[in-house]
Amino acid sequence: MVRAAPFVPEIRLDVGEAIVAMWEAAAAKPPPYFAFPWVGGQAVARYLLDHRALVAGRRVLDVGTGSGLCAIAAALAGARAVVATDV
């Protein structure tokens, strides 16, 4: 389902619906961290969008990007280049 991240409504992501059900279904393998805009990432994304000068014109590397929320926020905040990486 595509929806806005709660604390970053200007960014819409295709995310999972039921985190607990997905977590339990993935019991034998790593959980789908990418499927949810985690609160910590939302906080970082919100901070980047509210303080654009931190990344404007710079290159940004988002390590352990998960949903890509922080990388997207950096791009929207004016980063010159953004690389998002995860397992």
PDB file of N, CA and C in Angstrom:
ATOM      1  N   MET A   1       0.837  -1.167   0.000  1.00  0.00           N
ATOM      2  CA  MET A   1       0.000   0.000   0.000  1.00  0.00           C
ATOM      3  C   MET A   1       0.891   1.243   0.000  1.00  0.00           C
ATOM      4  N   VAL A   2       0.614   2.164  -0.882  1.00  0.00           N
ATOM      5  CA  VAL A   2       1.360   3.414  -0.940  1.00  0.00           C
ATOM      6  C   VAL A   2       0.688   4.411  -0.004  1.00  0.00           C
ATOM      7  N   ARG A   3       1.505   4.949   0.906  1.00  0.00           N
ATOM      8  CA  ARG A   3       0.963   5.931   1.846  1.00  0.00           C
ATOM      9  C   ARG A   3       2.095   6.820   2.355  1.00  0.00           C
ATOM     10  N   ALA A   4       1.689   7.924   2.951  1.00  0.00           N
ATOM     11  CA  ALA A   4       2.667   8.863   3.497  1.00  0.00           C
ATOM     12  C   ALA A   4       3.202   8.329   4.814  1.00  0.00           C
ATOM     13  N   ALA A   5       4.474   8.591   5.063  1.00  0.00           N
ATOM     14  CA  ALA A   5       5.055   8.256   6.358  1.00  0.00           C
ATOM     15  C   ALA A   5       4.449   9.213   7.381  1.00  0.00           C
ATOM     16  N   PRO A   6       4.041   8.731   8.553  1.00  0.00           N
ATOM     17  CA  PRO A   6       3.332   9.572   9.524  1.00  0.00           C
ATOM     18  C   PRO A   6       3.996  10.902   9.877  1.00  0.00           C
ATOM     19  N   PHE A   7       5.302  10.922  10.092  1.00  0.00           N
ATOM     20  CA  PHE A   7       5.972  12.155  10.491  1.00  0.00           C
ATOM     21  C   PHE A   7       6.617  12.888   9.324  1.00  0.00           C
ATOM     22  N   VAL A   8       6.495  12.283   8.136  1.00  0.00           N
ATOM     23  CA  VAL A   8       7.066  12.886   6.932  1.00  0.00           C
ATOM     24  C   VAL A   8       6.014  12.783   5.821  1.00  0.00           C
ATOM     25  N   PRO A   9       4.909  13.499   5.943  1.00  0.00           N
ATOM     26  CA  PRO A   9       3.798  13.340   5.006  1.00  0.00           C
ATOM     27  C   PRO A   9       4.127  13.708   3.565  1.00  0.00           C
ATOM     28  N   GLU A  10       5.209  14.448   3.358  1.00  0.00           N
ATOM     29  CA  GLU A  10       5.562  14.798   1.984  1.00  0.00           C
ATOM     30  C   GLU A  10       6.222  13.655   1.225  1.00  0.00           C
ATOM     31  N   ILE A  11       6.513  12.555   1.908  1.00  0.00           N
ATOM     32  CA  ILE A  11       7.110  11.378   1.258  1.00  0.00           C
ATOM     33  C   ILE A  11       6.135  10.211   1.357  1.00  0.00           C
ATOM     34  N   ARG A  12       5.812   9.648   0.199  1.00  0.00           N
ATOM     35  CA  ARG A  12       4.908   8.494   0.145  1.00  0.00           C
ATOM     36  C   ARG A  12       5.730   7.252  -0.212  1.00  0.00           C
ATOM     37  N   LEU A  13       5.489   6.165   0.505  1.00  0.00           N
ATOM     38  CA  LEU A  13       6.227   4.916   0.307  1.00  0.00           C
ATOM     39  C   LEU A  13       5.259   3.755   0.102  1.00  0.00           C
ATOM     40  N   ASP A  14       5.713   2.743  -0.623  1.00  0.00           N
ATOM     41  CA  ASP A  14       4.966   1.496  -0.741  1.00  0.00           C
ATOM     42  C   ASP A  14       5.407   0.639   0.439  1.00  0.00           C
ATOM     43  N   VAL A  15       4.552   0.516   1.449  1.00  0.00           N
ATOM     44  CA  VAL A  15       4.937  -0.131   2.701  1.00  0.00           C
ATOM     45  C   VAL A  15       4.040  -1.311   3.041  1.00  0.00           C
ATOM     46  N   GLY A  16       4.513  -2.131   3.980  1.00  0.00           N
ATOM     47  CA  GLY A  16       3.737  -3.260   4.475  1.00  0.00           C
ATOM     48  C   GLY A  16       2.608  -2.781   5.374  1.00  0.00           C
ATOM     49  N   GLU A  17       1.633  -3.621   5.548  1.00  0.00           N
ATOM     50  CA  GLU A  17       0.474  -3.268   6.354  1.00  0.00           C
ATOM     51  C   GLU A  17       0.590  -3.727   7.803  1.00  0.00           C
ATOM     52  N   ALA A  18       0.805  -4.999   8.001  1.00  0.00           N
ATOM     53  CA  ALA A  18       0.778  -5.567   9.353  1.00  0.00           C
ATOM     54  C   ALA A  18       2.184  -5.989   9.761  1.00  0.00           C
ATOM     55  N   ILE A  19       2.866  -5.130  10.497  1.00  0.00           N
ATOM     56  CA  ILE A  19       4.259  -5.394  10.851  1.00  0.00           C
ATOM     57  C   ILE A  19       4.419  -6.679  11.662  1.00  0.00           C
ATOM     58  N   VAL A  20       3.530  -6.924  12.610  1.00  0.00           N
ATOM     59  CA  VAL A  20       3.663  -8.112  13.455  1.00  0.00           C
ATOM     60  C   VAL A  20       3.482  -9.378  12.625  1.00  0.00           C
ATOM     61  N   ALA A  21       2.480  -9.411  11.777  1.00  0.00           N
ATOM     62  CA  ALA A  21       2.241 -10.585  10.931  1.00  0.00           C
ATOM     63  C   ALA A  21       3.425 -10.829   9.999  1.00  0.00           C
ATOM     64  N   MET A  22       3.971  -9.777   9.417  1.00  0.00           N
ATOM     65  CA  MET A  22       5.130  -9.941   8.525  1.00  0.00           C
ATOM     66  C   MET A  22       6.335 -10.433   9.311  1.00  0.00           C
ATOM     67  N   TRP A  23       6.517  -9.896  10.516  1.00  0.00           N
ATOM     68  CA  TRP A  23       7.649 -10.293  11.358  1.00  0.00           C
ATOM     69  C   TRP A  23       7.548 -11.774  11.704  1.00  0.00           C
ATOM     70  N   GLU A  24       6.368 -12.224  12.097  1.00  0.00           N
ATOM     71  CA  GLU A  24       6.172 -13.630  12.452  1.00  0.00           C
ATOM     72  C   GLU A  24       6.339 -14.540  11.237  1.00  0.00           C
ATOM     73  N   ALA A  25       5.866 -14.107  10.078  1.00  0.00           N
ATOM     74  CA  ALA A  25       5.998 -14.907   8.863  1.00  0.00           C
ATOM     75  C   ALA A  25       7.455 -15.063   8.447  1.00  0.00           C
ATOM     76  N   ALA A  26       8.286 -14.114   8.829  1.00  0.00           N
ATOM     77  CA  ALA A  26       9.700 -14.135   8.468  1.00  0.00           C
ATOM     78  C   ALA A  26      10.562 -14.739   9.570  1.00  0.00           C
ATOM     79  N   ALA A  27       9.970 -15.498  10.477  1.00  0.00           N
ATOM     80  CA  ALA A  27      10.681 -16.014  11.647  1.00  0.00           C
ATOM     81  C   ALA A  27      11.955 -16.781  11.298  1.00  0.00           C
ATOM     82  N   ALA A  28      11.958 -17.513  10.198  1.00  0.00           N
ATOM     83  CA  ALA A  28      13.115 -18.326   9.849  1.00  0.00           C
ATOM     84  C   ALA A  28      14.154 -17.558   9.036  1.00  0.00           C
ATOM     85  N   LYS A  29      13.846 -16.351   8.654  1.00  0.00           N
ATOM     86  CA  LYS A  29      14.786 -15.542   7.867  1.00  0.00           C
ATOM     87  C   LYS A  29      14.751 -14.106   8.393  1.00  0.00           C
ATOM     88  N   PRO A  30      15.638 -13.270   7.927  1.00  0.00           N
ATOM     89  CA  PRO A  30      15.644 -11.891   8.429  1.00  0.00           C
ATOM     90  C   PRO A  30      14.309 -11.198   8.180  1.00  0.00           C
ATOM     91  N   PRO A  31      13.846 -10.407   9.116  1.00  0.00           N
ATOM     92  CA  PRO A  31      12.570  -9.706   8.936  1.00  0.00           C
ATOM     93  C   PRO A  31      12.667  -8.648   7.836  1.00  0.00           C
ATOM     94  N   PRO A  32      11.542  -8.274   7.262  1.00  0.00           N
ATOM     95  CA  PRO A  32      11.535  -7.317   6.149  1.00  0.00           C
ATOM     96  C   PRO A  32      11.656  -5.869   6.625  1.00  0.00           C
ATOM     97  N   TYR A  33      12.854  -5.492   7.041  1.00  0.00           N
ATOM     98  CA  TYR A  33      13.075  -4.135   7.554  1.00  0.00           C
ATOM     99  C   TYR A  33      12.691  -3.066   6.525  1.00  0.00           C
ATOM    100  N   PHE A  34      12.821  -3.408   5.255  1.00  0.00           N
ATOM    101  CA  PHE A  34      12.562  -2.453   4.186  1.00  0.00           C
ATOM    102  C   PHE A  34      11.085  -2.099   4.041  1.00  0.00           C
ATOM    103  N   ALA A  35      10.211  -2.879   4.627  1.00  0.00           N
ATOM    104  CA  ALA A  35       8.781  -2.734   4.375  1.00  0.00           C
ATOM    105  C   ALA A  35       8.090  -1.691   5.244  1.00  0.00           C
ATOM    106  N   PHE A  36       8.826  -1.040   6.131  1.00  0.00           N
ATOM    107  CA  PHE A  36       8.202  -0.096   7.055  1.00  0.00           C
ATOM    108  C   PHE A  36       9.056   1.153   7.237  1.00  0.00           C
ATOM    109  N   PRO A  37       8.432   2.318   7.336  1.00  0.00           N
ATOM    110  CA  PRO A  37       9.173   3.538   7.651  1.00  0.00           C
ATOM    111  C   PRO A  37       9.374   3.620   9.165  1.00  0.00           C
ATOM    112  N   TRP A  38      10.462   3.066   9.651  1.00  0.00           N
ATOM    113  CA  TRP A  38      10.720   3.004  11.090  1.00  0.00           C
ATOM    114  C   TRP A  38      10.767   4.407  11.685  1.00  0.00           C
ATOM    115  N   VAL A  39      10.382   4.531  12.932  1.00  0.00           N
ATOM    116  CA  VAL A  39      10.271   5.836  13.586  1.00  0.00           C
ATOM    117  C   VAL A  39      11.606   6.576  13.600  1.00  0.00           C
ATOM    118  N   GLY A  40      12.702   5.859  13.831  1.00  0.00           N
ATOM    119  CA  GLY A  40      14.015   6.514  13.822  1.00  0.00           C
ATOM    120  C   GLY A  40      14.336   7.132  12.477  1.00  0.00           C
ATOM    121  N   GLY A  41      14.031   6.411  11.422  1.00  0.00           N
ATOM    122  CA  GLY A  41      14.241   6.940  10.073  1.00  0.00           C
ATOM    123  C   GLY A  41      13.336   8.120   9.779  1.00  0.00           C
ATOM    124  N   GLN A  42      12.110   8.063  10.289  1.00  0.00           N
ATOM    125  CA  GLN A  42      11.204   9.190  10.105  1.00  0.00           C
ATOM    126  C   GLN A  42      11.746  10.441  10.793  1.00  0.00           C
ATOM    127  N   ALA A  43      12.322  10.248  11.969  1.00  0.00           N
ATOM    128  CA  ALA A  43      12.889  11.386  12.700  1.00  0.00           C
ATOM    129  C   ALA A  43      14.054  12.003  11.919  1.00  0.00           C
ATOM    130  N   VAL A  44      14.929  11.162  11.381  1.00  0.00           N
ATOM    131  CA  VAL A  44      16.060  11.664  10.596  1.00  0.00           C
ATOM    132  C   VAL A  44      15.551  12.362   9.338  1.00  0.00           C
ATOM    133  N   ALA A  45      14.602  11.738   8.649  1.00  0.00           N
ATOM    134  CA  ALA A  45      14.043  12.333   7.434  1.00  0.00           C
ATOM    135  C   ALA A  45      13.401  13.685   7.733  1.00  0.00           C
ATOM    136  N   ARG A  46      12.632  13.763   8.805  1.00  0.00           N
ATOM    137  CA  ARG A  46      11.988  15.019   9.195  1.00  0.00           C
ATOM    138  C   ARG A  46      13.041  16.089   9.474  1.00  0.00           C
ATOM    139  N   TYR A  47      14.118  15.691  10.175  1.00  0.00           N
ATOM    140  CA  TYR A  47      15.192  16.630  10.501  1.00  0.00           C
ATOM    141  C   TYR A  47      15.860  17.149   9.225  1.00  0.00           C
ATOM    142  N   LEU A  48      16.132  16.253   8.283  1.00  0.00           N
ATOM    143  CA  LEU A  48      16.759  16.671   7.028  1.00  0.00           C
ATOM    144  C   LEU A  48      15.869  17.640   6.256  1.00  0.00           C
ATOM    145  N   LEU A  49      14.587  17.362   6.220  1.00  0.00           N
ATOM    146  CA  LEU A  49      13.674  18.247   5.493  1.00  0.00           C
ATOM    147  C   LEU A  49      13.491  19.591   6.191  1.00  0.00           C
ATOM    148  N   ASP A  50      13.603  19.592   7.505  1.00  0.00           N
ATOM    149  CA  ASP A  50      13.462  20.837   8.265  1.00  0.00           C
ATOM    150  C   ASP A  50      14.761  21.630   8.344  1.00  0.00           C
ATOM    151  N   HIS A  51      15.889  20.978   8.058  1.00  0.00           N
ATOM    152  CA  HIS A  51      17.209  21.622   8.121  1.00  0.00           C
ATOM    153  C   HIS A  51      17.967  21.316   6.821  1.00  0.00           C
ATOM    154  N   ARG A  52      17.422  21.743   5.725  1.00  0.00           N
ATOM    155  CA  ARG A  52      17.932  21.409   4.383  1.00  0.00           C
ATOM    156  C   ARG A  52      19.393  21.795   4.166  1.00  0.00           C
ATOM    157  N   ALA A  53      19.844  22.820   4.829  1.00  0.00           N
ATOM    158  CA  ALA A  53      21.225  23.276   4.642  1.00  0.00           C
ATOM    159  C   ALA A  53      22.252  22.207   5.022  1.00  0.00           C
ATOM    160  N   LEU A  54      21.866  21.260   5.858  1.00  0.00           N
ATOM    161  CA  LEU A  54      22.788  20.187   6.257  1.00  0.00           C
ATOM    162  C   LEU A  54      23.230  19.332   5.077  1.00  0.00           C
ATOM    163  N   VAL A  55      22.347  19.140   4.091  1.00  0.00           N
ATOM    164  CA  VAL A  55      22.675  18.264   2.966  1.00  0.00           C
ATOM    165  C   VAL A  55      22.650  18.958   1.613  1.00  0.00           C
ATOM    166  N   ALA A  56      22.125  20.173   1.546  1.00  0.00           N
ATOM    167  CA  ALA A  56      22.008  20.870   0.262  1.00  0.00           C
ATOM    168  C   ALA A  56      23.366  20.969  -0.430  1.00  0.00           C
ATOM    169  N   GLY A  57      23.421  20.468  -1.659  1.00  0.00           N
ATOM    170  CA  GLY A  57      24.646  20.522  -2.446  1.00  0.00           C
ATOM    171  C   GLY A  57      25.693  19.497  -2.071  1.00  0.00           C
ATOM    172  N   ARG A  58      25.423  18.636  -1.121  1.00  0.00           N
ATOM    173  CA  ARG A  58      26.404  17.636  -0.676  1.00  0.00           C
ATOM    174  C   ARG A  58      26.060  16.258  -1.217  1.00  0.00           C
ATOM    175  N   ARG A  59      27.021  15.368  -1.109  1.00  0.00           N
ATOM    176  CA  ARG A  59      26.787  13.957  -1.429  1.00  0.00           C
ATOM    177  C   ARG A  59      26.401  13.240  -0.143  1.00  0.00           C
ATOM    178  N   VAL A  60      25.399  12.377  -0.212  1.00  0.00           N
ATOM    179  CA  VAL A  60      24.886  11.681   0.971  1.00  0.00           C
ATOM    180  C   VAL A  60      24.934  10.178   0.734  1.00  0.00           C
ATOM    181  N   LEU A  61      25.396   9.436   1.734  1.00  0.00           N
ATOM    182  CA  LEU A  61      25.383   7.976   1.721  1.00  0.00           C
ATOM    183  C   LEU A  61      24.468   7.511   2.847  1.00  0.00           C
ATOM    184  N   ASP A  62      23.407   6.803   2.509  1.00  0.00           N
ATOM    185  CA  ASP A  62      22.470   6.269   3.493  1.00  0.00           C
ATOM    186  C   ASP A  62      22.760   4.775   3.638  1.00  0.00           C
ATOM    187  N   VAL A  63      23.439   4.412   4.712  1.00  0.00           N
ATOM    188  CA  VAL A  63      23.826   3.022   4.956  1.00  0.00           C
ATOM    189  C   VAL A  63      22.751   2.345   5.789  1.00  0.00           C
ATOM    190  N   GLY A  64      22.334   1.140   5.393  1.00  0.00           N
ATOM    191  CA  GLY A  64      21.252   0.448   6.083  1.00  0.00           C
ATOM    192  C   GLY A  64      19.934   1.163   5.810  1.00  0.00           C
ATOM    193  N   THR A  65      19.716   1.508   4.564  1.00  0.00           N
ATOM    194  CA  THR A  65      18.630   2.414   4.181  1.00  0.00           C
ATOM    195  C   THR A  65      17.224   1.890   4.444  1.00  0.00           C
ATOM    196  N   GLY A  66      17.044   0.572   4.491  1.00  0.00           N
ATOM    197  CA  GLY A  66      15.695   0.041   4.719  1.00  0.00           C
ATOM    198  C   GLY A  66      14.745   0.488   3.635  1.00  0.00           C
ATOM    199  N   SER A  67      13.735   1.263   3.989  1.00  0.00           N
ATOM    200  CA  SER A  67      12.743   1.726   3.022  1.00  0.00           C
ATOM    201  C   SER A  67      13.275   2.805   2.095  1.00  0.00           C
ATOM    202  N   GLY A  68      14.423   3.374   2.398  1.00  0.00           N
ATOM    203  CA  GLY A  68      14.985   4.458   1.603  1.00  0.00           C
ATOM    204  C   GLY A  68      14.485   5.823   2.008  1.00  0.00           C
ATOM    205  N   LEU A  69      13.728   5.883   3.081  1.00  0.00           N
ATOM    206  CA  LEU A  69      13.104   7.133   3.515  1.00  0.00           C
ATOM    207  C   LEU A  69      14.116   8.253   3.721  1.00  0.00           C
ATOM    208  N   CYS A  70      15.209   7.980   4.409  1.00  0.00           N
ATOM    209  CA  CYS A  70      16.200   9.036   4.685  1.00  0.00           C
ATOM    210  C   CYS A  70      16.899   9.475   3.400  1.00  0.00           C
ATOM    211  N   ALA A  71      17.168   8.535   2.518  1.00  0.00           N
ATOM    212  CA  ALA A  71      17.795   8.880   1.239  1.00  0.00           C
ATOM    213  C   ALA A  71      16.862   9.757   0.407  1.00  0.00           C
ATOM    214  N   ILE A  72      15.591   9.420   0.391  1.00  0.00           N
ATOM    215  CA  ILE A  72      14.611  10.224  -0.339  1.00  0.00           C
ATOM    216  C   ILE A  72      14.530  11.626   0.259  1.00  0.00           C
ATOM    217  N   ALA A  73      14.513  11.702   1.581  1.00  0.00           N
ATOM    218  CA  ALA A  73      14.468  13.003   2.252  1.00  0.00           C
ATOM    219  C   ALA A  73      15.700  13.834   1.905  1.00  0.00           C
ATOM    220  N   ALA A  74      16.866  13.207   1.880  1.00  0.00           N
ATOM    221  CA  ALA A  74      18.093  13.929   1.533  1.00  0.00           C
ATOM    222  C   ALA A  74      18.012  14.477   0.112  1.00  0.00           C
ATOM    223  N   ALA A  75      17.500  13.674  -0.793  1.00  0.00           N
ATOM    224  CA  ALA A  75      17.346  14.134  -2.184  1.00  0.00           C
ATOM    225  C   ALA A  75      16.374  15.307  -2.259  1.00  0.00           C
ATOM    226  N   LEU A  76      15.247  15.204  -1.564  1.00  0.00           N
ATOM    227  CA  LEU A  76      14.269  16.293  -1.550  1.00  0.00           C
ATOM    228  C   LEU A  76      14.819  17.545  -0.883  1.00  0.00           C
ATOM    229  N   ALA A  77      15.753  17.366   0.048  1.00  0.00           N
ATOM    230  CA  ALA A  77      16.346  18.498   0.755  1.00  0.00           C
ATOM    231  C   ALA A  77      17.446  19.171  -0.055  1.00  0.00           C
ATOM    232  N   GLY A  78      17.742  18.636  -1.234  1.00  0.00           N
ATOM    233  CA  GLY A  78      18.696  19.296  -2.116  1.00  0.00           C
ATOM    234  C   GLY A  78      20.080  18.692  -2.189  1.00  0.00           C
ATOM    235  N   ALA A  79      20.245  17.456  -1.715  1.00  0.00           N
ATOM    236  CA  ALA A  79      21.555  16.811  -1.835  1.00  0.00           C
ATOM    237  C   ALA A  79      21.948  16.718  -3.309  1.00  0.00           C
ATOM    238  N   ARG A  80      23.224  16.903  -3.579  1.00  0.00           N
ATOM    239  CA  ARG A  80      23.720  16.837  -4.964  1.00  0.00           C
ATOM    240  C   ARG A  80      23.635  15.426  -5.506  1.00  0.00           C
ATOM    241  N   ALA A  81      23.950  14.440  -4.663  1.00  0.00           N
ATOM    242  CA  ALA A  81      23.897  13.035  -5.046  1.00  0.00           C
ATOM    243  C   ALA A  81      23.559  12.225  -3.797  1.00  0.00           C
ATOM    244  N   VAL A  82      22.771  11.169  -3.977  1.00  0.00           N
ATOM    245  CA  VAL A  82      22.389  10.316  -2.855  1.00  0.00           C
ATOM    246  C   VAL A  82      22.605   8.866  -3.263  1.00  0.00           C
ATOM    247  N   VAL A  83      23.278   8.112  -2.409  1.00  0.00           N
ATOM    248  CA  VAL A  83      23.435   6.668  -2.597  1.00  0.00           C
ATOM    249  C   VAL A  83      22.800   5.997  -1.376  1.00  0.00           C
ATOM    250  N   ALA A  84      21.898   5.062  -1.633  1.00  0.00           N
ATOM    251  CA  ALA A  84      21.249   4.318  -0.564  1.00  0.00           C
ATOM    252  C   ALA A  84      21.685   2.867  -0.695  1.00  0.00           C
ATOM    253  N   THR A  85      22.123   2.277   0.435  1.00  0.00           N
ATOM    254  CA  THR A  85      22.603   0.898   0.383  1.00  0.00           C
ATOM    255  C   THR A  85      22.090   0.103   1.574  1.00  0.00           C
ATOM    256  N   ASP A  86      21.847  -1.176   1.345  1.00  0.00           N
ATOM    257  CA  ASP A  86      21.383  -2.090   2.379  1.00  0.00           C
ATOM    258  C   ASP A  86      21.765  -3.492   1.921  1.00  0.00           C
ATOM    259  N   VAL A  87      21.547  -4.466   2.811  1.00  0.00           N
ATOM    260  CA  VAL A  87      21.849  -5.832   2.431  1.00  0.00           C
ATOM    261  C   VAL A  87      20.940  -6.271   1.312  1.00  0.00           C
TER     262      VAL A  87
END
